[in-house]
PDB file of N, CA and C in Angstrom:
ATOM      1  N   MET A   1     -21.975   0.558  -7.139  1.00  0.00           N
ATOM      2  CA  MET A   1     -23.077   1.166  -7.849  1.00  0.00           C
ATOM      3  C   MET A   1     -23.783   0.157  -8.752  1.00  0.00           C
ATOM      4  N   ILE A   2     -23.053  -0.822  -9.239  1.00  0.00           N
ATOM      5  CA  ILE A   2     -23.646  -1.823 -10.121  1.00  0.00           C
ATOM      6  C   ILE A   2     -24.375  -2.888  -9.307  1.00  0.00           C
ATOM      7  N   PHE A   3     -23.869  -3.162  -8.125  1.00  0.00           N
ATOM      8  CA  PHE A   3     -24.397  -4.264  -7.317  1.00  0.00           C
ATOM      9  C   PHE A   3     -25.886  -4.126  -6.993  1.00  0.00           C
ATOM     10  N   PRO A   4     -26.385  -2.957  -6.528  1.00  0.00           N
ATOM     11  CA  PRO A   4     -27.828  -2.867  -6.247  1.00  0.00           C
ATOM     12  C   PRO A   4     -28.693  -3.099  -7.490  1.00  0.00           C
ATOM     13  N   LYS A   5     -28.245  -2.608  -8.656  1.00  0.00           N
ATOM     14  CA  LYS A   5     -29.017  -2.821  -9.883  1.00  0.00           C
ATOM     15  C   LYS A   5     -29.090  -4.307 -10.228  1.00  0.00           C
ATOM     16  N   VAL A   6     -27.972  -4.992 -10.097  1.00  0.00           N
ATOM     17  CA  VAL A   6     -27.946  -6.424 -10.404  1.00  0.00           C
ATOM     18  C   VAL A   6     -28.855  -7.185  -9.442  1.00  0.00           C
ATOM     19  N   LEU A   7     -28.813  -6.829  -8.171  1.00  0.00           N
ATOM     20  CA  LEU A   7     -29.682  -7.493  -7.195  1.00  0.00           C
ATOM     21  C   LEU A   7     -31.157  -7.249  -7.494  1.00  0.00           C
ATOM     22  N   LEU A   8     -31.494  -5.999  -7.798  1.00  0.00           N
ATOM     23  CA  LEU A   8     -32.892  -5.698  -8.109  1.00  0.00           C
ATOM     24  C   LEU A   8     -33.348  -6.412  -9.377  1.00  0.00           C
ATOM     25  N   ASP A   9     -32.493  -6.478 -10.374  1.00  0.00           N
ATOM     26  CA  ASP A   9     -32.849  -7.220 -11.592  1.00  0.00           C
ATOM     27  C   ASP A   9     -33.081  -8.694 -11.290  1.00  0.00           C
ATOM     28  N   GLN A  10     -32.250  -9.270 -10.446  1.00  0.00           N
ATOM     29  CA  GLN A  10     -32.413 -10.678 -10.085  1.00  0.00           C
ATOM     30  C   GLN A  10     -33.719 -10.896  -9.321  1.00  0.00           C
ATOM     31  N   LEU A  11     -34.046  -9.973  -8.434  1.00  0.00           N
ATOM     32  CA  LEU A  11     -35.269 -10.122  -7.637  1.00  0.00           C
ATOM     33  C   LEU A  11     -36.533  -9.902  -8.465  1.00  0.00           C
ATOM     34  N   MET A  12     -36.495  -8.952  -9.387  1.00  0.00           N
ATOM     35  CA  MET A  12     -37.695  -8.610 -10.152  1.00  0.00           C
ATOM     36  C   MET A  12     -37.933  -9.542 -11.344  1.00  0.00           C
ATOM     37  N   ASN A  13     -36.883  -9.925 -12.038  1.00  0.00           N
ATOM     38  CA  ASN A  13     -37.067 -10.704 -13.272  1.00  0.00           C
ATOM     39  C   ASN A  13     -37.224 -12.193 -12.997  1.00  0.00           C
ATOM     40  N   THR A  14     -36.241 -12.777 -12.388  1.00  0.00           N
ATOM     41  CA  THR A  14     -36.305 -14.215 -12.118  1.00  0.00           C
ATOM     42  C   THR A  14     -36.301 -14.431 -10.617  1.00  0.00           C
ATOM     43  N   ASN A  15     -37.080 -15.352 -10.193  1.00  0.00           N
ATOM     44  CA  ASN A  15     -37.125 -15.663  -8.769  1.00  0.00           C
ATOM     45  C   ASN A  15     -36.222 -16.846  -8.447  1.00  0.00           C
ATOM     46  N   ASP A  16     -35.099 -16.925  -9.130  1.00  0.00           N
ATOM     47  CA  ASP A  16     -34.151 -18.013  -8.928  1.00  0.00           C
ATOM     48  C   ASP A  16     -33.213 -17.636  -7.776  1.00  0.00           C
ATOM     49  N   ILE A  17     -33.410 -18.258  -6.616  1.00  0.00           N
ATOM     50  CA  ILE A  17     -32.621 -17.933  -5.425  1.00  0.00           C
ATOM     51  C   ILE A  17     -31.159 -18.347  -5.599  1.00  0.00           C
ATOM     52  N   PHE A  18     -30.931 -19.435  -6.360  1.00  0.00           N
ATOM     53  CA  PHE A  18     -29.555 -19.886  -6.588  1.00  0.00           C
ATOM     54  C   PHE A  18     -28.770 -18.838  -7.373  1.00  0.00           C
ATOM     55  N   LYS A  19     -29.382 -18.262  -8.390  1.00  0.00           N
ATOM     56  CA  LYS A  19     -28.714 -17.226  -9.196  1.00  0.00           C
ATOM     57  C   LYS A  19     -28.451 -15.982  -8.346  1.00  0.00           C
ATOM     58  N   LEU A  20     -29.388 -15.637  -7.470  1.00  0.00           N
ATOM     59  CA  LEU A  20     -29.219 -14.484  -6.582  1.00  0.00           C
ATOM     60  C   LEU A  20     -28.064 -14.714  -5.613  1.00  0.00           C
ATOM     61  N   LEU A  21     -28.009 -15.893  -4.996  1.00  0.00           N
ATOM     62  CA  LEU A  21     -26.910 -16.207  -4.080  1.00  0.00           C
ATOM     63  C   LEU A  21     -25.569 -16.250  -4.806  1.00  0.00           C
ATOM     64  N   GLN A  22     -25.580 -16.768  -6.019  1.00  0.00           N
ATOM     65  CA  GLN A  22     -24.353 -16.818  -6.811  1.00  0.00           C
ATOM     66  C   GLN A  22     -23.852 -15.397  -7.102  1.00  0.00           C
ATOM     67  N   THR A  23     -24.755 -14.493  -7.428  1.00  0.00           N
ATOM     68  CA  THR A  23     -24.379 -13.105  -7.697  1.00  0.00           C
ATOM     69  C   THR A  23     -23.818 -12.441  -6.447  1.00  0.00           C
ATOM     70  N   VAL A  24     -24.476 -12.636  -5.313  1.00  0.00           N
ATOM     71  CA  VAL A  24     -24.008 -12.048  -4.052  1.00  0.00           C
ATOM     72  C   VAL A  24     -22.634 -12.594  -3.682  1.00  0.00           C
ATOM     73  N   LEU A  25     -22.444 -13.900  -3.798  1.00  0.00           N
ATOM     74  CA  LEU A  25     -21.149 -14.502  -3.472  1.00  0.00           C
ATOM     75  C   LEU A  25     -20.052 -14.027  -4.420  1.00  0.00           C
ATOM     76  N   LEU A  26     -20.375 -13.870  -5.694  1.00  0.00           N
ATOM     77  CA  LEU A  26     -19.389 -13.398  -6.665  1.00  0.00           C
ATOM     78  C   LEU A  26     -18.941 -11.973  -6.345  1.00  0.00           C
ATOM     79  N   PHE A  27     -19.890 -11.094  -6.063  1.00  0.00           N
ATOM     80  CA  PHE A  27     -19.540  -9.722  -5.701  1.00  0.00           C
ATOM     81  C   PHE A  27     -18.767  -9.675  -4.383  1.00  0.00           C
ATOM     82  N   SER A  28     -19.173 -10.473  -3.411  1.00  0.00           N
ATOM     83  CA  SER A  28     -18.468 -10.506  -2.123  1.00  0.00           C
ATOM     84  C   SER A  28     -17.040 -10.999  -2.286  1.00  0.00           C
ATOM     85  N   LEU A  29     -16.855 -12.020  -3.105  1.00  0.00           N
ATOM     86  CA  LEU A  29     -15.516 -12.538  -3.370  1.00  0.00           C
ATOM     87  C   LEU A  29     -14.654 -11.494  -4.078  1.00  0.00           C
ATOM     88  N   GLY A  30     -15.233 -10.783  -5.020  1.00  0.00           N
ATOM     89  CA  GLY A  30     -14.501  -9.719  -5.717  1.00  0.00           C
ATOM     90  C   GLY A  30     -14.065  -8.615  -4.773  1.00  0.00           C
ATOM     91  N   ILE A  31     -14.957  -8.210  -3.877  1.00  0.00           N
ATOM     92  CA  ILE A  31     -14.619  -7.172  -2.896  1.00  0.00           C
ATOM     93  C   ILE A  31     -13.542  -7.675  -1.945  1.00  0.00           C
ATOM     94  N   PHE A  32     -13.649  -8.919  -1.507  1.00  0.00           N
ATOM     95  CA  PHE A  32     -12.655  -9.491  -0.595  1.00  0.00           C
ATOM     96  C   PHE A  32     -11.277  -9.542  -1.244  1.00  0.00           C
ATOM     97  N   ILE A  33     -11.212 -10.001  -2.483  1.00  0.00           N
ATOM     98  CA  ILE A  33      -9.922 -10.085  -3.183  1.00  0.00           C
ATOM     99  C   ILE A  33      -9.342  -8.687  -3.404  1.00  0.00           C
ATOM    100  N   GLY A  34     -10.185  -7.747  -3.770  1.00  0.00           N
ATOM    101  CA  GLY A  34      -9.721  -6.372  -3.971  1.00  0.00           C
ATOM    102  C   GLY A  34      -9.177  -5.753  -2.698  1.00  0.00           C
ATOM    103  N   GLN A  35      -9.871  -5.932  -1.585  1.00  0.00           N
ATOM    104  CA  GLN A  35      -9.418  -5.384  -0.309  1.00  0.00           C
ATOM    105  C   GLN A  35      -8.131  -6.050   0.157  1.00  0.00           C
ATOM    106  N   THR A  36      -8.023  -7.354  -0.038  1.00  0.00           N
ATOM    107  CA  THR A  36      -6.811  -8.075   0.356  1.00  0.00           C
ATOM    108  C   THR A  36      -5.616  -7.601  -0.453  1.00  0.00           C
ATOM    109  N   ALA A  37      -5.792  -7.456  -1.756  1.00  0.00           N
ATOM    110  CA  ALA A  37      -4.699  -6.982  -2.612  1.00  0.00           C
ATOM    111  C   ALA A  37      -4.299  -5.560  -2.245  1.00  0.00           C
ATOM    112  N   SER A  38      -5.274  -4.708  -1.982  1.00  0.00           N
ATOM    113  CA  SER A  38      -4.984  -3.324  -1.609  1.00  0.00           C
ATOM    114  C   SER A  38      -4.213  -3.262  -0.295  1.00  0.00           C
ATOM    115  N   SER A  39      -4.640  -4.029   0.681  1.00  0.00           N
ATOM    116  CA  SER A  39      -3.957  -4.057   1.974  1.00  0.00           C
ATOM    117  C   SER A  39      -2.533  -4.578   1.830  1.00  0.00           C
ATOM    118  N   PHE A  40      -2.358  -5.632   1.046  1.00  0.00           N
ATOM    119  CA  PHE A  40      -1.023  -6.198   0.837  1.00  0.00           C
ATOM    120  C   PHE A  40      -0.098  -5.182   0.179  1.00  0.00           C
ATOM    121  N   LEU A  41      -0.588  -4.505  -0.854  1.00  0.00           N
ATOM    122  CA  LEU A  41       0.254  -3.550  -1.568  1.00  0.00           C
ATOM    123  C   LEU A  41       0.596  -2.341  -0.705  1.00  0.00           C
ATOM    124  N   GLN A  42      -0.338  -1.888   0.128  1.00  0.00           N
ATOM    125  CA  GLN A  42      -0.044  -0.766   1.016  1.00  0.00           C
ATOM    126  C   GLN A  42       1.007  -1.159   2.045  1.00  0.00           C
ATOM    127  N   ASN A  43       0.891  -2.340   2.627  1.00  0.00           N
ATOM    128  CA  ASN A  43       1.882  -2.791   3.606  1.00  0.00           C
ATOM    129  C   ASN A  43       3.238  -2.996   2.956  1.00  0.00           C
ATOM    130  N   GLU A  44       3.258  -3.570   1.761  1.00  0.00           N
ATOM    131  CA  GLU A  44       4.521  -3.815   1.060  1.00  0.00           C
ATOM    132  C   GLU A  44       5.221  -2.492   0.756  1.00  0.00           C
ATOM    133  N   ALA A  45       4.475  -1.503   0.298  1.00  0.00           N
ATOM    134  CA  ALA A  45       5.068  -0.197   0.000  1.00  0.00           C
ATOM    135  C   ALA A  45       5.587   0.460   1.274  1.00  0.00           C
ATOM    136  N   PHE A  46       4.857   0.320   2.383  1.00  0.00           N
ATOM    137  CA  PHE A  46       5.298   0.912   3.645  1.00  0.00           C
ATOM    138  C   PHE A  46       6.628   0.315   4.083  1.00  0.00           C
ATOM    139  N   TYR A  47       6.749  -1.006   4.029  1.00  0.00           N
ATOM    140  CA  TYR A  47       7.986  -1.645   4.468  1.00  0.00           C
ATOM    141  C   TYR A  47       9.146  -1.315   3.541  1.00  0.00           C
ATOM    142  N   ARG A  48       8.883  -1.190   2.253  1.00  0.00           N
ATOM    143  CA  ARG A  48       9.960  -0.817   1.327  1.00  0.00           C
ATOM    144  C   ARG A  48      10.428   0.610   1.595  1.00  0.00           C
ATOM    145  N   ARG A  49       9.512   1.526   1.909  1.00  0.00           N
ATOM    146  CA  ARG A  49       9.915   2.897   2.261  1.00  0.00           C
ATOM    147  C   ARG A  49      10.733   2.900   3.538  1.00  0.00           C
ATOM    148  N   ARG A  50      10.351   2.079   4.487  1.00  0.00           N
ATOM    149  CA  ARG A  50      11.108   1.996   5.740  1.00  0.00           C
ATOM    150  C   ARG A  50      12.523   1.476   5.492  1.00  0.00           C
ATOM    151  N   ILE A  51      12.684   0.503   4.608  1.00  0.00           N
ATOM    152  CA  ILE A  51      14.005  -0.039   4.302  1.00  0.00           C
ATOM    153  C   ILE A  51      14.871   1.030   3.650  1.00  0.00           C
ATOM    154  N   VAL A  52      14.306   1.787   2.711  1.00  0.00           N
ATOM    155  CA  VAL A  52      15.063   2.857   2.054  1.00  0.00           C
ATOM    156  C   VAL A  52      15.461   3.917   3.069  1.00  0.00           C
ATOM    157  N   LEU A  53      14.544   4.297   3.957  1.00  0.00           N
ATOM    158  CA  LEU A  53      14.857   5.294   4.979  1.00  0.00           C
ATOM    159  C   LEU A  53      15.941   4.787   5.923  1.00  0.00           C
ATOM    160  N   GLU A  54      15.872   3.529   6.298  1.00  0.00           N
ATOM    161  CA  GLU A  54      16.881   2.961   7.189  1.00  0.00           C
ATOM    162  C   GLU A  54      18.258   2.959   6.525  1.00  0.00           C
ATOM    163  N   LYS A  55      18.327   2.607   5.253  1.00  0.00           N
ATOM    164  CA  LYS A  55      19.609   2.635   4.535  1.00  0.00           C
ATOM    165  C   LYS A  55      20.144   4.058   4.430  1.00  0.00           C
ATOM    166  N   PHE A  56      19.255   5.018   4.178  1.00  0.00           N
ATOM    167  CA  PHE A  56      19.676   6.415   4.108  1.00  0.00           C
ATOM    168  C   PHE A  56      20.226   6.883   5.452  1.00  0.00           C
ATOM    169  N   GLN A  57      19.530   6.565   6.532  1.00  0.00           N
ATOM    170  CA  GLN A  57      19.991   6.957   7.863  1.00  0.00           C
ATOM    171  C   GLN A  57      21.338   6.315   8.181  1.00  0.00           C
ATOM    172  N   HIS A  58      21.519   5.073   7.793  1.00  0.00           N
ATOM    173  CA  HIS A  58      22.781   4.372   8.037  1.00  0.00           C
ATOM    174  C   HIS A  58      23.923   5.028   7.254  1.00  0.00           C
ATOM    175  N   ASP A  59      23.685   5.346   5.992  1.00  0.00           N
ATOM    176  CA  ASP A  59      24.710   6.015   5.185  1.00  0.00           C
ATOM    177  C   ASP A  59      25.034   7.401   5.735  1.00  0.00           C
ATOM    178  N   LEU A  60      24.019   8.120   6.175  1.00  0.00           N
ATOM    179  CA  LEU A  60      24.238   9.442   6.760  1.00  0.00           C
ATOM    180  C   LEU A  60      25.053   9.339   8.041  1.00  0.00           C
ATOM    181  N   CYS A  61      24.746   8.362   8.866  1.00  0.00           N
ATOM    182  CA  CYS A  61      25.488   8.153  10.113  1.00  0.00           C
ATOM    183  C   CYS A  61      26.942   7.801   9.810  1.00  0.00           C
ATOM    184  N   ASP A  62      27.173   6.938   8.828  1.00  0.00           N
ATOM    185  CA  ASP A  62      28.550   6.598   8.448  1.00  0.00           C
ATOM    186  C   ASP A  62      29.300   7.825   7.947  1.00  0.00           C
ATOM    187  N   HIS A  63      28.654   8.628   7.142  1.00  0.00           N
ATOM    188  CA  HIS A  63      29.288   9.825   6.601  1.00  0.00           C
ATOM    189  C   HIS A  63      29.613  10.821   7.717  1.00  0.00           C
ATOM    190  N   LEU A  64      28.677  11.007   8.636  1.00  0.00           N
ATOM    191  CA  LEU A  64      28.907  11.954   9.728  1.00  0.00           C
ATOM    192  C   LEU A  64      29.962  11.452  10.705  1.00  0.00           C
ATOM    193  N   SER A  65      30.109  10.157  10.830  1.00  0.00           N
ATOM    194  CA  SER A  65      31.128   9.632  11.743  1.00  0.00           C
ATOM    195  C   SER A  65      32.540   9.820  11.192  1.00  0.00           C
ATOM    196  N   GLU A  66      32.662  10.040   9.893  1.00  0.00           N
ATOM    197  CA  GLU A  66      33.972  10.235   9.281  1.00  0.00           C
ATOM    198  C   GLU A  66      34.335  11.704   9.096  1.00  0.00           C
ATOM    199  N   VAL A  67      33.544  12.614   9.641  1.00  0.00           N
ATOM    200  CA  VAL A  67      33.804  14.049   9.491  1.00  0.00           C
ATOM    201  C   VAL A  67      35.049  14.422  10.284  1.00  0.00           C
ATOM    202  N   ASP A  68      35.870  15.263   9.671  1.00  0.00           N
ATOM    203  CA  ASP A  68      37.080  15.751  10.325  1.00  0.00           C
ATOM    204  C   ASP A  68      36.701  16.958  11.182  1.00  0.00           C
ATOM    205  N   CYS A  69      36.484  16.737  12.462  1.00  0.00           N
ATOM    206  CA  CYS A  69      35.989  17.786  13.353  1.00  0.00           C
ATOM    207  C   CYS A  69      37.034  18.862  13.634  1.00  0.00           C
ATOM    208  N   THR A  70      38.295  18.542  13.542  1.00  0.00           N
ATOM    209  CA  THR A  70      39.324  19.553  13.841  1.00  0.00           C
ATOM    210  C   THR A  70      39.379  20.610  12.756  1.00  0.00           C
ATOM    211  N   ASN A  71      39.127  20.256  11.533  1.00  0.00           N
ATOM    212  CA  ASN A  71      39.182  21.225  10.435  1.00  0.00           C
ATOM    213  C   ASN A  71      37.796  21.687   9.986  1.00  0.00           C
ATOM    214  N   LEU A  72      36.804  21.415  10.774  1.00  0.00           N
ATOM    215  CA  LEU A  72      35.432  21.711  10.369  1.00  0.00           C
ATOM    216  C   LEU A  72      35.189  23.204  10.215  1.00  0.00           C
ATOM    217  N   GLU A  73      35.761  24.020  11.097  1.00  0.00           N
ATOM    218  CA  GLU A  73      35.526  25.461  11.049  1.00  0.00           C
ATOM    219  C   GLU A  73      36.681  26.218  10.404  1.00  0.00           C
ATOM    220  N   ASP A  74      37.568  25.534   9.768  1.00  0.00           N
ATOM    221  CA  ASP A  74      38.684  26.177   9.084  1.00  0.00           C
ATOM    222  C   ASP A  74      38.162  26.860   7.818  1.00  0.00           C
ATOM    223  N   PRO A  75      38.421  28.175   7.658  1.00  0.00           N
ATOM    224  CA  PRO A  75      37.923  28.884   6.472  1.00  0.00           C
ATOM    225  C   PRO A  75      38.474  28.315   5.165  1.00  0.00           C
ATOM    226  N   LYS A  76      39.671  27.769   5.183  1.00  0.00           N
ATOM    227  CA  LYS A  76      40.246  27.205   3.963  1.00  0.00           C
ATOM    228  C   LYS A  76      39.481  25.950   3.531  1.00  0.00           C
ATOM    229  N   LEU A  77      38.986  25.221   4.488  1.00  0.00           N
ATOM    230  CA  LEU A  77      38.225  24.012   4.181  1.00  0.00           C
ATOM    231  C   LEU A  77      36.848  24.350   3.603  1.00  0.00           C
ATOM    232  N   LEU A  78      36.261  25.436   4.088  1.00  0.00           N
ATOM    233  CA  LEU A  78      34.916  25.813   3.659  1.00  0.00           C
ATOM    234  C   LEU A  78      34.895  26.417   2.260  1.00  0.00           C
ATOM    235  N   ILE A  79      36.022  26.882   1.783  1.00  0.00           N
ATOM    236  CA  ILE A  79      36.065  27.526   0.459  1.00  0.00           C
ATOM    237  C   ILE A  79      36.075  26.524  -0.620  1.00  0.00           C
TER     238      ILE A  79
END
């Protein structure tokens, strides 16, 4: 929202093409850095969630492999 106003001010007030290009490059660089950081953080969070889920699944599998199946339906065990 700020970028069009800045461009119009540069075009209307001063006809300095170097200042206009500098403004465009600065805004473009800011957008590029912001998008790169956002993409990196989203990917990092995704992989960390996957690691936590994988550890949970592994612990659940270990726990289920140690279940005593012979006494599983024994009423004394369920109480």
